[in-house]
């Protein structure tokens, strides 16, 4: 999959230059903790509530200023993301099916 320039223009990515030292240390600490971990597919991470995924996401939510984080918040977020991925998969599957028919 290729990311087009217009996609990158709308992608929200934290600016590392704006992170304070404490935040950078937190990110590096989590990286050191998980760097040797083997990750399942992204959809599998959301389905199983993969603990390392939760560690990463909790860290970023704290850096972004979220307070009172709970497992319930992340689990609801993962369920919502998983539903969106399933919808996208169905839409793409339908598009592929139409393309396949057009080629024959």
N, C-alpha and C. Protein backbone atom coordinates (compact mmCIF):
# COMPACT_ATOMS: atom_id res chain seq x y z
N UNK A 1 0.85 -1.17 0.00
CA UNK A 1 0.00 0.00 0.00
C UNK A 1 0.90 1.24 0.00
N UNK A 2 0.59 2.17 -0.87
CA UNK A 2 1.38 3.39 -0.98
C UNK A 2 0.62 4.53 -0.30
N UNK A 3 1.34 5.29 0.53
CA UNK A 3 0.75 6.48 1.13
C UNK A 3 0.97 7.66 0.20
N UNK A 4 -0.10 8.28 -0.20
CA UNK A 4 -0.01 9.43 -1.09
C UNK A 4 0.22 10.70 -0.27
N UNK A 5 0.76 11.73 -0.90
CA UNK A 5 1.07 12.98 -0.21
C UNK A 5 -0.16 13.55 0.50
N UNK A 6 -1.33 13.50 -0.14
CA UNK A 6 -2.51 14.08 0.48
C UNK A 6 -2.88 13.32 1.75
N UNK A 7 -2.58 12.03 1.80
CA UNK A 7 -2.83 11.26 3.02
C UNK A 7 -1.90 11.72 4.14
N UNK A 8 -0.65 11.93 3.79
CA UNK A 8 0.34 12.35 4.78
C UNK A 8 0.01 13.73 5.34
N UNK A 9 -0.57 14.60 4.50
CA UNK A 9 -0.94 15.94 4.95
C UNK A 9 -2.01 15.91 6.04
N UNK A 10 -2.83 14.86 6.05
CA UNK A 10 -3.93 14.77 7.00
C UNK A 10 -3.64 13.80 8.14
N UNK A 11 -2.50 13.17 8.12
CA UNK A 11 -2.13 12.22 9.15
C UNK A 11 -1.65 12.97 10.39
N UNK A 12 -2.28 12.68 11.51
CA UNK A 12 -1.90 13.35 12.75
C UNK A 12 -0.80 12.56 13.44
N UNK A 13 0.38 13.16 13.47
CA UNK A 13 1.55 12.51 14.06
C UNK A 13 2.17 13.50 15.03
N UNK A 14 2.46 13.05 16.26
CA UNK A 14 3.10 13.96 17.21
C UNK A 14 4.45 14.46 16.70
N UNK A 15 4.71 15.72 16.94
CA UNK A 15 5.99 16.33 16.55
C UNK A 15 7.00 16.06 17.67
N UNK A 16 8.02 15.24 17.40
CA UNK A 16 8.99 14.91 18.44
C UNK A 16 9.72 16.13 19.00
N UNK A 17 9.80 17.20 18.22
CA UNK A 17 10.46 18.42 18.69
C UNK A 17 9.66 19.14 19.77
N UNK A 18 8.37 18.83 19.86
CA UNK A 18 7.52 19.49 20.85
C UNK A 18 7.36 18.67 22.13
N UNK A 19 7.94 17.47 22.15
CA UNK A 19 7.86 16.64 23.35
C UNK A 19 8.84 17.16 24.40
N UNK A 20 8.40 17.13 25.65
CA UNK A 20 9.32 17.51 26.72
C UNK A 20 10.18 16.30 27.09
N UNK A 21 11.25 16.56 27.82
CA UNK A 21 12.22 15.51 28.15
C UNK A 21 11.58 14.31 28.84
N UNK A 22 10.66 14.58 29.76
CA UNK A 22 9.98 13.50 30.49
C UNK A 22 9.19 12.59 29.54
N UNK A 23 8.54 13.18 28.55
CA UNK A 23 7.77 12.41 27.57
C UNK A 23 8.70 11.56 26.71
N UNK A 24 9.82 12.14 26.31
CA UNK A 24 10.80 11.39 25.51
C UNK A 24 11.33 10.20 26.31
N UNK A 25 11.60 10.41 27.58
CA UNK A 25 12.09 9.32 28.43
C UNK A 25 11.04 8.22 28.57
N UNK A 26 9.77 8.62 28.69
CA UNK A 26 8.68 7.64 28.80
C UNK A 26 8.60 6.80 27.52
N UNK A 27 8.70 7.45 26.37
CA UNK A 27 8.64 6.73 25.09
C UNK A 27 9.81 5.76 24.97
N UNK A 28 11.01 6.24 25.29
CA UNK A 28 12.18 5.36 25.21
C UNK A 28 12.09 4.21 26.21
N UNK A 29 11.53 4.47 27.39
CA UNK A 29 11.35 3.41 28.38
C UNK A 29 10.42 2.32 27.88
N UNK A 30 9.31 2.73 27.29
CA UNK A 30 8.36 1.75 26.73
C UNK A 30 9.02 0.99 25.58
N UNK A 31 9.75 1.70 24.74
CA UNK A 31 10.45 1.04 23.64
C UNK A 31 11.40 -0.04 24.17
N UNK A 32 12.18 0.30 25.18
CA UNK A 32 13.12 -0.67 25.75
C UNK A 32 12.38 -1.89 26.30
N UNK A 33 11.22 -1.63 26.88
CA UNK A 33 10.40 -2.69 27.46
C UNK A 33 9.89 -3.67 26.40
N UNK A 34 9.54 -3.16 25.24
CA UNK A 34 8.83 -3.97 24.25
C UNK A 34 9.61 -4.28 22.98
N UNK A 35 10.83 -3.79 22.86
CA UNK A 35 11.55 -3.84 21.59
C UNK A 35 11.75 -5.24 21.03
N UNK A 36 11.76 -6.26 21.85
CA UNK A 36 11.97 -7.62 21.37
C UNK A 36 10.66 -8.41 21.23
N UNK A 37 9.56 -7.73 21.38
CA UNK A 37 8.24 -8.38 21.33
C UNK A 37 7.83 -8.63 19.88
N UNK A 38 7.29 -9.80 19.65
CA UNK A 38 6.73 -10.13 18.34
C UNK A 38 5.25 -9.74 18.36
N UNK A 39 4.85 -8.97 17.37
CA UNK A 39 3.48 -8.47 17.32
C UNK A 39 2.63 -9.28 16.35
N UNK A 40 1.40 -9.61 16.75
CA UNK A 40 0.46 -10.19 15.79
C UNK A 40 -0.06 -9.09 14.87
N UNK A 41 -0.89 -9.44 13.92
CA UNK A 41 -1.47 -8.43 13.01
C UNK A 41 -2.22 -7.39 13.84
N UNK A 42 -2.42 -6.23 13.26
CA UNK A 42 -3.09 -5.15 13.98
C UNK A 42 -4.50 -5.56 14.38
N UNK A 43 -5.21 -6.25 13.50
CA UNK A 43 -6.58 -6.66 13.86
C UNK A 43 -6.55 -7.69 15.00
N UNK A 44 -5.56 -8.56 14.99
CA UNK A 44 -5.43 -9.54 16.08
C UNK A 44 -5.10 -8.83 17.39
N UNK A 45 -4.30 -7.78 17.33
CA UNK A 45 -3.99 -7.01 18.54
C UNK A 45 -5.26 -6.43 19.15
N UNK A 46 -6.15 -5.92 18.30
CA UNK A 46 -7.39 -5.35 18.81
C UNK A 46 -8.35 -6.43 19.29
N UNK A 47 -8.41 -7.54 18.59
CA UNK A 47 -9.31 -8.64 19.00
C UNK A 47 -8.93 -9.20 20.36
N UNK A 48 -7.64 -9.39 20.56
CA UNK A 48 -7.17 -10.06 21.79
C UNK A 48 -6.83 -9.07 22.89
N UNK A 49 -6.96 -7.77 22.60
CA UNK A 49 -6.59 -6.74 23.57
C UNK A 49 -5.13 -6.95 24.00
N UNK A 50 -4.28 -7.12 23.01
CA UNK A 50 -2.86 -7.41 23.17
C UNK A 50 -2.22 -6.44 24.17
N UNK A 51 -1.64 -6.97 25.23
CA UNK A 51 -1.14 -6.15 26.34
C UNK A 51 -0.08 -5.14 25.90
N UNK A 52 0.79 -5.51 24.99
CA UNK A 52 1.83 -4.57 24.54
C UNK A 52 1.18 -3.41 23.79
N UNK A 53 0.16 -3.69 23.00
CA UNK A 53 -0.60 -2.63 22.32
C UNK A 53 -1.19 -1.67 23.36
N UNK A 54 -1.74 -2.23 24.44
CA UNK A 54 -2.33 -1.41 25.50
C UNK A 54 -1.27 -0.54 26.17
N UNK A 55 -0.08 -1.09 26.35
CA UNK A 55 1.02 -0.33 26.96
C UNK A 55 1.38 0.87 26.08
N UNK A 56 1.52 0.63 24.78
CA UNK A 56 1.87 1.70 23.84
C UNK A 56 0.77 2.76 23.81
N UNK A 57 -0.47 2.31 23.68
CA UNK A 57 -1.58 3.26 23.55
C UNK A 57 -1.79 4.05 24.84
N UNK A 58 -1.64 3.40 25.99
CA UNK A 58 -1.77 4.11 27.27
C UNK A 58 -0.71 5.19 27.38
N UNK A 59 0.51 4.86 26.98
CA UNK A 59 1.60 5.82 27.02
C UNK A 59 1.26 7.05 26.17
N UNK A 60 0.82 6.82 24.93
CA UNK A 60 0.52 7.95 24.05
C UNK A 60 -0.66 8.76 24.55
N UNK A 61 -1.67 8.11 25.07
CA UNK A 61 -2.82 8.85 25.59
C UNK A 61 -2.41 9.73 26.77
N UNK A 62 -1.53 9.23 27.61
CA UNK A 62 -1.04 10.04 28.73
C UNK A 62 -0.24 11.23 28.21
N UNK A 63 0.61 11.00 27.23
CA UNK A 63 1.40 12.09 26.65
C UNK A 63 0.49 13.14 26.02
N UNK A 64 -0.61 12.69 25.42
CA UNK A 64 -1.56 13.61 24.79
C UNK A 64 -2.47 14.31 25.79
N UNK A 65 -2.32 13.95 27.08
CA UNK A 65 -3.05 14.67 28.11
C UNK A 65 -4.29 13.99 28.67
N UNK A 66 -4.57 12.77 28.25
CA UNK A 66 -5.72 12.06 28.78
C UNK A 66 -5.44 11.66 30.22
N UNK A 67 -6.42 11.92 31.08
CA UNK A 67 -6.29 11.53 32.48
C UNK A 67 -7.34 10.45 32.76
N UNK A 68 -7.18 9.77 33.85
CA UNK A 68 -8.15 8.74 34.26
C UNK A 68 -8.33 7.65 33.19
N UNK A 69 -7.22 7.18 32.65
CA UNK A 69 -7.28 6.11 31.66
C UNK A 69 -7.73 4.82 32.34
N UNK A 70 -8.52 4.06 31.64
CA UNK A 70 -8.96 2.77 32.18
C UNK A 70 -8.89 1.72 31.09
N UNK A 71 -8.84 0.47 31.52
CA UNK A 71 -8.86 -0.62 30.55
C UNK A 71 -10.14 -0.57 29.72
N UNK A 72 -11.23 -0.15 30.35
CA UNK A 72 -12.51 -0.07 29.64
C UNK A 72 -12.44 0.91 28.48
N UNK A 73 -11.78 2.04 28.69
CA UNK A 73 -11.63 3.03 27.61
C UNK A 73 -10.89 2.42 26.43
N UNK A 74 -9.75 1.78 26.70
CA UNK A 74 -8.98 1.18 25.61
C UNK A 74 -9.75 0.04 24.95
N UNK A 75 -10.43 -0.78 25.73
CA UNK A 75 -11.18 -1.89 25.14
C UNK A 75 -12.31 -1.39 24.25
N UNK A 76 -12.99 -0.33 24.68
CA UNK A 76 -14.04 0.26 23.83
C UNK A 76 -13.43 0.85 22.56
N UNK A 77 -12.29 1.50 22.70
CA UNK A 77 -11.59 2.05 21.54
C UNK A 77 -11.21 0.93 20.57
N UNK A 78 -10.65 -0.15 21.09
CA UNK A 78 -10.24 -1.27 20.24
C UNK A 78 -11.44 -1.91 19.54
N UNK A 79 -12.53 -2.06 20.27
CA UNK A 79 -13.74 -2.63 19.65
C UNK A 79 -14.22 -1.75 18.50
N UNK A 80 -14.18 -0.43 18.71
CA UNK A 80 -14.61 0.50 17.65
C UNK A 80 -13.69 0.45 16.45
N UNK A 81 -12.38 0.42 16.70
CA UNK A 81 -11.41 0.35 15.60
C UNK A 81 -11.58 -0.95 14.84
N UNK A 82 -11.78 -2.04 15.57
CA UNK A 82 -11.94 -3.34 14.92
C UNK A 82 -13.17 -3.36 14.02
N UNK A 83 -14.26 -2.75 14.46
CA UNK A 83 -15.47 -2.65 13.63
C UNK A 83 -15.18 -1.86 12.36
N UNK A 84 -14.45 -0.76 12.50
CA UNK A 84 -14.09 0.05 11.33
C UNK A 84 -13.21 -0.74 10.35
N UNK A 85 -12.25 -1.48 10.89
CA UNK A 85 -11.39 -2.30 10.03
C UNK A 85 -12.20 -3.36 9.29
N UNK A 86 -13.17 -3.94 9.97
CA UNK A 86 -14.02 -4.95 9.34
C UNK A 86 -14.86 -4.33 8.22
N UNK A 87 -15.38 -3.14 8.44
CA UNK A 87 -16.16 -2.45 7.41
C UNK A 87 -15.28 -2.13 6.21
N UNK A 88 -14.09 -1.61 6.48
CA UNK A 88 -13.15 -1.31 5.39
C UNK A 88 -12.81 -2.58 4.62
N UNK A 89 -12.57 -3.67 5.34
CA UNK A 89 -12.26 -4.95 4.70
C UNK A 89 -13.39 -5.41 3.79
N UNK A 90 -14.62 -5.27 4.25
CA UNK A 90 -15.78 -5.66 3.43
C UNK A 90 -15.89 -4.77 2.20
N UNK A 91 -15.68 -3.48 2.39
CA UNK A 91 -15.76 -2.55 1.25
C UNK A 91 -14.66 -2.86 0.23
N UNK A 92 -13.47 -3.11 0.71
CA UNK A 92 -12.36 -3.42 -0.19
C UNK A 92 -12.58 -4.78 -0.85
N UNK A 93 -13.12 -5.71 -0.11
CA UNK A 93 -13.41 -7.02 -0.70
C UNK A 93 -14.44 -6.91 -1.80
N UNK A 94 -15.46 -6.07 -1.58
CA UNK A 94 -16.48 -5.84 -2.59
C UNK A 94 -15.90 -5.17 -3.81
N UNK A 95 -15.00 -4.23 -3.60
CA UNK A 95 -14.36 -3.52 -4.72
C UNK A 95 -13.49 -4.49 -5.51
N UNK A 96 -12.76 -5.34 -4.78
CA UNK A 96 -11.91 -6.32 -5.48
C UNK A 96 -12.76 -7.29 -6.30
N UNK A 97 -13.87 -7.69 -5.71
CA UNK A 97 -14.75 -8.63 -6.40
C UNK A 97 -15.27 -8.00 -7.70
N UNK A 98 -15.63 -6.72 -7.66
CA UNK A 98 -16.12 -6.02 -8.86
C UNK A 98 -15.00 -5.92 -9.90
N UNK A 99 -13.78 -5.63 -9.43
CA UNK A 99 -12.63 -5.54 -10.35
C UNK A 99 -12.37 -6.87 -11.02
N UNK A 100 -12.43 -7.96 -10.25
CA UNK A 100 -12.22 -9.28 -10.78
C UNK A 100 -13.24 -9.61 -11.87
N UNK A 101 -14.51 -9.25 -11.64
CA UNK A 101 -15.56 -9.52 -12.62
C UNK A 101 -15.33 -8.69 -13.88
N UNK A 102 -14.89 -7.45 -13.73
CA UNK A 102 -14.66 -6.57 -14.87
C UNK A 102 -13.53 -7.09 -15.76
N UNK A 103 -12.56 -7.76 -15.15
CA UNK A 103 -11.41 -8.27 -15.91
C UNK A 103 -11.78 -9.52 -16.73
N UNK A 104 -12.83 -10.23 -16.33
CA UNK A 104 -13.18 -11.45 -17.04
C UNK A 104 -14.13 -11.22 -18.17
